[in-house]
Amino acid sequence: MPYMKVVIDTMKEKGIRDDYVVLVGGAPLNEEFGKAVGADAYCRDAAVAVETAKDFMKRKHNVRN
């Protein structure tokens, strides 16, 4: 967990942050933590992460439901 912010900050430094969707989650984390490290979203578990990732990709590619 301590390196999540380091990874996101490094992505920013390299100019690639906007090329990726960063999701964080799991039992020890919460939405506040996700915001603090600069993630795009917090997901409580893997199932939610899959749906969240699908939503991000739909928005990125302007796909309508």
PDB file of N, CA and C in Angstrom:
ATOM      1  N   MET A   1       0.794  -1.209   0.000  1.00  0.00           N
ATOM      2  CA  MET A   1       0.000   0.000   0.000  1.00  0.00           C
ATOM      3  C   MET A   1       0.836   1.273   0.000  1.00  0.00           C
ATOM      4  N   PRO A   2       1.951   1.319   0.695  1.00  0.00           N
ATOM      5  CA  PRO A   2       2.673   2.590   0.763  1.00  0.00           C
ATOM      6  C   PRO A   2       3.197   3.061  -0.588  1.00  0.00           C
ATOM      7  N   TYR A   3       3.284   2.176  -1.562  1.00  0.00           N
ATOM      8  CA  TYR A   3       3.854   2.576  -2.843  1.00  0.00           C
ATOM      9  C   TYR A   3       2.821   2.973  -3.892  1.00  0.00           C
ATOM     10  N   MET A   4       1.549   2.906  -3.571  1.00  0.00           N
ATOM     11  CA  MET A   4       0.534   3.272  -4.556  1.00  0.00           C
ATOM     12  C   MET A   4       0.701   4.721  -4.995  1.00  0.00           C
ATOM     13  N   LYS A   5       0.880   5.622  -4.055  1.00  0.00           N
ATOM     14  CA  LYS A   5       1.066   7.035  -4.399  1.00  0.00           C
ATOM     15  C   LYS A   5       2.371   7.228  -5.162  1.00  0.00           C
ATOM     16  N   VAL A   6       3.404   6.506  -4.781  1.00  0.00           N
ATOM     17  CA  VAL A   6       4.694   6.605  -5.475  1.00  0.00           C
ATOM     18  C   VAL A   6       4.527   6.211  -6.945  1.00  0.00           C
ATOM     19  N   VAL A   7       3.804   5.138  -7.195  1.00  0.00           N
ATOM     20  CA  VAL A   7       3.578   4.687  -8.571  1.00  0.00           C
ATOM     21  C   VAL A   7       2.814   5.747  -9.359  1.00  0.00           C
ATOM     22  N   ILE A   8       1.747   6.274  -8.783  1.00  0.00           N
ATOM     23  CA  ILE A   8       0.938   7.276  -9.476  1.00  0.00           C
ATOM     24  C   ILE A   8       1.745   8.551  -9.707  1.00  0.00           C
ATOM     25  N   ASP A   9       2.501   8.984  -8.716  1.00  0.00           N
ATOM     26  CA  ASP A   9       3.347  10.172  -8.882  1.00  0.00           C
ATOM     27  C   ASP A   9       4.401   9.955  -9.967  1.00  0.00           C
ATOM     28  N   THR A  10       4.967   8.765 -10.025  1.00  0.00           N
ATOM     29  CA  THR A  10       5.959   8.452 -11.057  1.00  0.00           C
ATOM     30  C   THR A  10       5.316   8.477 -12.442  1.00  0.00           C
ATOM     31  N   MET A  11       4.101   7.967 -12.534  1.00  0.00           N
ATOM     32  CA  MET A  11       3.379   8.023 -13.807  1.00  0.00           C
ATOM     33  C   MET A  11       3.193   9.473 -14.245  1.00  0.00           C
ATOM     34  N   LYS A  12       2.858  10.347 -13.298  1.00  0.00           N
ATOM     35  CA  LYS A  12       2.701  11.774 -13.610  1.00  0.00           C
ATOM     36  C   LYS A  12       4.015  12.368 -14.090  1.00  0.00           C
ATOM     37  N   GLU A  13       5.089  12.075 -13.381  1.00  0.00           N
ATOM     38  CA  GLU A  13       6.409  12.600 -13.743  1.00  0.00           C
ATOM     39  C   GLU A  13       6.818  12.176 -15.148  1.00  0.00           C
ATOM     40  N   LYS A  14       6.458  10.976 -15.532  1.00  0.00           N
ATOM     41  CA  LYS A  14       6.823  10.455 -16.850  1.00  0.00           C
ATOM     42  C   LYS A  14       5.836  10.880 -17.935  1.00  0.00           C
ATOM     43  N   GLY A  15       4.769  11.590 -17.526  1.00  0.00           N
ATOM     44  CA  GLY A  15       3.789  12.076 -18.487  1.00  0.00           C
ATOM     45  C   GLY A  15       2.866  11.011 -19.043  1.00  0.00           C
ATOM     46  N   ILE A  16       2.696   9.928 -18.307  1.00  0.00           N
ATOM     47  CA  ILE A  16       1.848   8.836 -18.799  1.00  0.00           C
ATOM     48  C   ILE A  16       0.602   8.609 -17.943  1.00  0.00           C
ATOM     49  N   ARG A  17       0.408   9.414 -16.928  1.00  0.00           N
ATOM     50  CA  ARG A  17      -0.703   9.187 -15.994  1.00  0.00           C
ATOM     51  C   ARG A  17      -2.048   9.154 -16.697  1.00  0.00           C
ATOM     52  N   ASP A  18      -2.265  10.060 -17.641  1.00  0.00           N
ATOM     53  CA  ASP A  18      -3.564  10.130 -18.302  1.00  0.00           C
ATOM     54  C   ASP A  18      -3.793   8.999 -19.302  1.00  0.00           C
ATOM     55  N   ASP A  19      -2.772   8.200 -19.552  1.00  0.00           N
ATOM     56  CA  ASP A  19      -2.915   7.070 -20.469  1.00  0.00           C
ATOM     57  C   ASP A  19      -3.510   5.842 -19.790  1.00  0.00           C
ATOM     58  N   TYR A  20      -3.644   5.888 -18.482  1.00  0.00           N
ATOM     59  CA  TYR A  20      -4.078   4.720 -17.714  1.00  0.00           C
ATOM     60  C   TYR A  20      -5.201   5.075 -16.750  1.00  0.00           C
ATOM     61  N   VAL A  21      -6.036   4.091 -16.461  1.00  0.00           N
ATOM     62  CA  VAL A  21      -7.029   4.206 -15.403  1.00  0.00           C
ATOM     63  C   VAL A  21      -6.443   3.477 -14.202  1.00  0.00           C
ATOM     64  N   VAL A  22      -6.367   4.176 -13.080  1.00  0.00           N
ATOM     65  CA  VAL A  22      -5.805   3.578 -11.871  1.00  0.00           C
ATOM     66  C   VAL A  22      -6.928   3.356 -10.868  1.00  0.00           C
ATOM     67  N   LEU A  23      -7.135   2.092 -10.527  1.00  0.00           N
ATOM     68  CA  LEU A  23      -8.135   1.717  -9.537  1.00  0.00           C
ATOM     69  C   LEU A  23      -7.412   1.143  -8.333  1.00  0.00           C
ATOM     70  N   VAL A  24      -7.860   1.502  -7.154  1.00  0.00           N
ATOM     71  CA  VAL A  24      -7.319   0.919  -5.926  1.00  0.00           C
ATOM     72  C   VAL A  24      -8.481   0.339  -5.146  1.00  0.00           C
ATOM     73  N   GLY A  25      -8.186  -0.606  -4.267  1.00  0.00           N
ATOM     74  CA  GLY A  25      -9.274  -1.144  -3.477  1.00  0.00           C
ATOM     75  C   GLY A  25      -8.885  -2.343  -2.658  1.00  0.00           C
ATOM     76  N   GLY A  26      -9.913  -2.915  -2.077  1.00  0.00           N
ATOM     77  CA  GLY A  26      -9.727  -4.048  -1.192  1.00  0.00           C
ATOM     78  C   GLY A  26     -10.054  -3.659   0.233  1.00  0.00           C
ATOM     79  N   ALA A  27     -10.069  -4.638   1.079  1.00  0.00           N
ATOM     80  CA  ALA A  27     -10.493  -4.456   2.468  1.00  0.00           C
ATOM     81  C   ALA A  27      -9.742  -3.369   3.242  1.00  0.00           C
ATOM     82  N   PRO A  28      -8.418  -3.264   3.114  1.00  0.00           N
ATOM     83  CA  PRO A  28      -7.725  -2.281   3.958  1.00  0.00           C
ATOM     84  C   PRO A  28      -7.834  -0.836   3.467  1.00  0.00           C
ATOM     85  N   LEU A  29      -8.430  -0.625   2.297  1.00  0.00           N
ATOM     86  CA  LEU A  29      -8.485   0.723   1.725  1.00  0.00           C
ATOM     87  C   LEU A  29      -9.894   1.280   1.772  1.00  0.00           C
ATOM     88  N   ASN A  30     -10.000   2.579   1.468  1.00  0.00           N
ATOM     89  CA  ASN A  30     -11.307   3.215   1.369  1.00  0.00           C
ATOM     90  C   ASN A  30     -11.241   4.318   0.319  1.00  0.00           C
ATOM     91  N   GLU A  31     -12.384   4.929   0.049  1.00  0.00           N
ATOM     92  CA  GLU A  31     -12.469   5.957  -0.983  1.00  0.00           C
ATOM     93  C   GLU A  31     -11.554   7.144  -0.678  1.00  0.00           C
ATOM     94  N   GLU A  32     -11.462   7.507   0.574  1.00  0.00           N
ATOM     95  CA  GLU A  32     -10.592   8.619   0.975  1.00  0.00           C
ATOM     96  C   GLU A  32      -9.133   8.322   0.619  1.00  0.00           C
ATOM     97  N   PHE A  33      -8.704   7.097   0.852  1.00  0.00           N
ATOM     98  CA  PHE A  33      -7.343   6.696   0.504  1.00  0.00           C
ATOM     99  C   PHE A  33      -7.136   6.799  -1.005  1.00  0.00           C
ATOM    100  N   GLY A  34      -8.095   6.330  -1.766  1.00  0.00           N
ATOM    101  CA  GLY A  34      -8.003   6.396  -3.224  1.00  0.00           C
ATOM    102  C   GLY A  34      -7.807   7.812  -3.718  1.00  0.00           C
ATOM    103  N   LYS A  35      -8.566   8.731  -3.157  1.00  0.00           N
ATOM    104  CA  LYS A  35      -8.420  10.143  -3.532  1.00  0.00           C
ATOM    105  C   LYS A  35      -7.058  10.678  -3.118  1.00  0.00           C
ATOM    106  N   ALA A  36      -6.613  10.298  -1.935  1.00  0.00           N
ATOM    107  CA  ALA A  36      -5.340  10.807  -1.409  1.00  0.00           C
ATOM    108  C   ALA A  36      -4.148  10.383  -2.265  1.00  0.00           C
ATOM    109  N   VAL A  37      -4.202   9.183  -2.839  1.00  0.00           N
ATOM    110  CA  VAL A  37      -3.071   8.721  -3.648  1.00  0.00           C
ATOM    111  C   VAL A  37      -3.200   9.111  -5.114  1.00  0.00           C
ATOM    112  N   GLY A  38      -4.353   9.670  -5.495  1.00  0.00           N
ATOM    113  CA  GLY A  38      -4.537  10.121  -6.870  1.00  0.00           C
ATOM    114  C   GLY A  38      -5.109   9.090  -7.814  1.00  0.00           C
ATOM    115  N   ALA A  39      -5.746   8.065  -7.261  1.00  0.00           N
ATOM    116  CA  ALA A  39      -6.370   7.039  -8.101  1.00  0.00           C
ATOM    117  C   ALA A  39      -7.624   7.597  -8.765  1.00  0.00           C
ATOM    118  N   ASP A  40      -8.021   6.968  -9.856  1.00  0.00           N
ATOM    119  CA  ASP A  40      -9.249   7.375 -10.528  1.00  0.00           C
ATOM    120  C   ASP A  40     -10.480   6.931  -9.752  1.00  0.00           C
ATOM    121  N   ALA A  41     -10.363   5.813  -9.053  1.00  0.00           N
ATOM    122  CA  ALA A  41     -11.506   5.308  -8.294  1.00  0.00           C
ATOM    123  C   ALA A  41     -11.052   4.295  -7.254  1.00  0.00           C
ATOM    124  N   TYR A  42     -11.887   4.149  -6.237  1.00  0.00           N
ATOM    125  CA  TYR A  42     -11.723   3.111  -5.216  1.00  0.00           C
ATOM    126  C   TYR A  42     -12.785   2.053  -5.491  1.00  0.00           C
ATOM    127  N   CYS A  43     -12.426   0.787  -5.365  1.00  0.00           N
ATOM    128  CA  CYS A  43     -13.360  -0.318  -5.550  1.00  0.00           C
ATOM    129  C   CYS A  43     -13.249  -1.245  -4.350  1.00  0.00           C
ATOM    130  N   ARG A  44     -14.382  -1.608  -3.781  1.00  0.00           N
ATOM    131  CA  ARG A  44     -14.342  -2.413  -2.554  1.00  0.00           C
ATOM    132  C   ARG A  44     -13.859  -3.835  -2.783  1.00  0.00           C
ATOM    133  N   ASP A  45     -14.036  -4.350  -4.031  1.00  0.00           N
ATOM    134  CA  ASP A  45     -13.567  -5.704  -4.332  1.00  0.00           C
ATOM    135  C   ASP A  45     -13.344  -5.846  -5.838  1.00  0.00           C
ATOM    136  N   ALA A  46     -12.860  -7.008  -6.249  1.00  0.00           N
ATOM    137  CA  ALA A  46     -12.511  -7.226  -7.652  1.00  0.00           C
ATOM    138  C   ALA A  46     -13.722  -7.135  -8.577  1.00  0.00           C
ATOM    139  N   ALA A  47     -14.868  -7.609  -8.124  1.00  0.00           N
ATOM    140  CA  ALA A  47     -16.070  -7.555  -8.958  1.00  0.00           C
ATOM    141  C   ALA A  47     -16.456  -6.112  -9.258  1.00  0.00           C
ATOM    142  N   VAL A  48     -16.388  -5.265  -8.254  1.00  0.00           N
ATOM    143  CA  VAL A  48     -16.687  -3.844  -8.449  1.00  0.00           C
ATOM    144  C   VAL A  48     -15.622  -3.209  -9.341  1.00  0.00           C
ATOM    145  N   ALA A  49     -14.381  -3.629  -9.184  1.00  0.00           N
ATOM    146  CA  ALA A  49     -13.295  -3.089 -10.012  1.00  0.00           C
ATOM    147  C   ALA A  49     -13.534  -3.383 -11.491  1.00  0.00           C
ATOM    148  N   VAL A  50     -14.009  -4.577 -11.798  1.00  0.00           N
ATOM    149  CA  VAL A  50     -14.285  -4.930 -13.194  1.00  0.00           C
ATOM    150  C   VAL A  50     -15.354  -4.013 -13.768  1.00  0.00           C
ATOM    151  N   GLU A  51     -16.437  -3.829 -13.043  1.00  0.00           N
ATOM    152  CA  GLU A  51     -17.517  -2.968 -13.526  1.00  0.00           C
ATOM    153  C   GLU A  51     -17.059  -1.517 -13.636  1.00  0.00           C
ATOM    154  N   THR A  52     -16.275  -1.065 -12.677  1.00  0.00           N
ATOM    155  CA  THR A  52     -15.757   0.303 -12.710  1.00  0.00           C
ATOM    156  C   THR A  52     -14.843   0.493 -13.915  1.00  0.00           C
ATOM    157  N   ALA A  53     -13.981  -0.468 -14.167  1.00  0.00           N
ATOM    158  CA  ALA A  53     -13.082  -0.393 -15.324  1.00  0.00           C
ATOM    159  C   ALA A  53     -13.878  -0.354 -16.627  1.00  0.00           C
ATOM    160  N   LYS A  54     -14.916  -1.169 -16.721  1.00  0.00           N
ATOM    161  CA  LYS A  54     -15.769  -1.153 -17.915  1.00  0.00           C
ATOM    162  C   LYS A  54     -16.392   0.224 -18.113  1.00  0.00           C
ATOM    163  N   ASP A  55     -16.875   0.827 -17.027  1.00  0.00           N
ATOM    164  CA  ASP A  55     -17.474   2.159 -17.113  1.00  0.00           C
ATOM    165  C   ASP A  55     -16.458   3.195 -17.586  1.00  0.00           C
ATOM    166  N   PHE A  56     -15.245   3.138 -17.053  1.00  0.00           N
ATOM    167  CA  PHE A  56     -14.204   4.073 -17.476  1.00  0.00           C
ATOM    168  C   PHE A  56     -13.899   3.903 -18.963  1.00  0.00           C
ATOM    169  N   MET A  57     -13.822   2.673 -19.430  1.00  0.00           N
ATOM    170  CA  MET A  57     -13.508   2.428 -20.839  1.00  0.00           C
ATOM    171  C   MET A  57     -14.640   2.898 -21.747  1.00  0.00           C
ATOM    172  N   LYS A  58     -15.881   2.696 -21.320  1.00  0.00           N
ATOM    173  CA  LYS A  58     -17.020   3.188 -22.100  1.00  0.00           C
ATOM    174  C   LYS A  58     -16.950   4.703 -22.235  1.00  0.00           C
ATOM    175  N   ARG A  59     -16.657   5.383 -21.123  1.00  0.00           N
ATOM    176  CA  ARG A  59     -16.559   6.846 -21.169  1.00  0.00           C
ATOM    177  C   ARG A  59     -15.391   7.296 -22.037  1.00  0.00           C
ATOM    178  N   LYS A  60     -14.280   6.606 -21.914  1.00  0.00           N
ATOM    179  CA  LYS A  60     -13.085   6.982 -22.682  1.00  0.00           C
ATOM    180  C   LYS A  60     -13.333   6.849 -24.180  1.00  0.00           C
ATOM    181  N   HIS A  61     -14.078   5.835 -24.562  1.00  0.00           N
ATOM    182  CA  HIS A  61     -14.326   5.572 -25.974  1.00  0.00           C
ATOM    183  C   HIS A  61     -15.720   6.020 -26.417  1.00  0.00           C
ATOM    184  N   ASN A  62     -16.383   6.822 -25.582  1.00  0.00           N
ATOM    185  CA  ASN A  62     -17.703   7.383 -25.885  1.00  0.00           C
ATOM    186  C   ASN A  62     -18.714   6.321 -26.303  1.00  0.00           C
ATOM    187  N   VAL A  63     -18.756   5.230 -25.558  1.00  0.00           N
ATOM    188  CA  VAL A  63     -19.702   4.153 -25.830  1.00  0.00           C
ATOM    189  C   VAL A  63     -20.952   4.392 -25.000  1.00  0.00           C
ATOM    190  N   ARG A  64     -22.094   4.276 -25.654  1.00  0.00           N
ATOM    191  CA  ARG A  64     -23.359   4.435 -24.933  1.00  0.00           C
ATOM    192  C   ARG A  64     -23.921   3.069 -24.603  1.00  0.00           C
ATOM    193  N   ASN A  65     -24.660   3.009 -23.496  1.00  0.00           N
ATOM    194  CA  ASN A  65     -25.301   1.734 -23.104  1.00  0.00           C
ATOM    195  C   ASN A  65     -26.487   1.445 -23.962  1.00  0.00           C
TER     196      ASN A  65
END
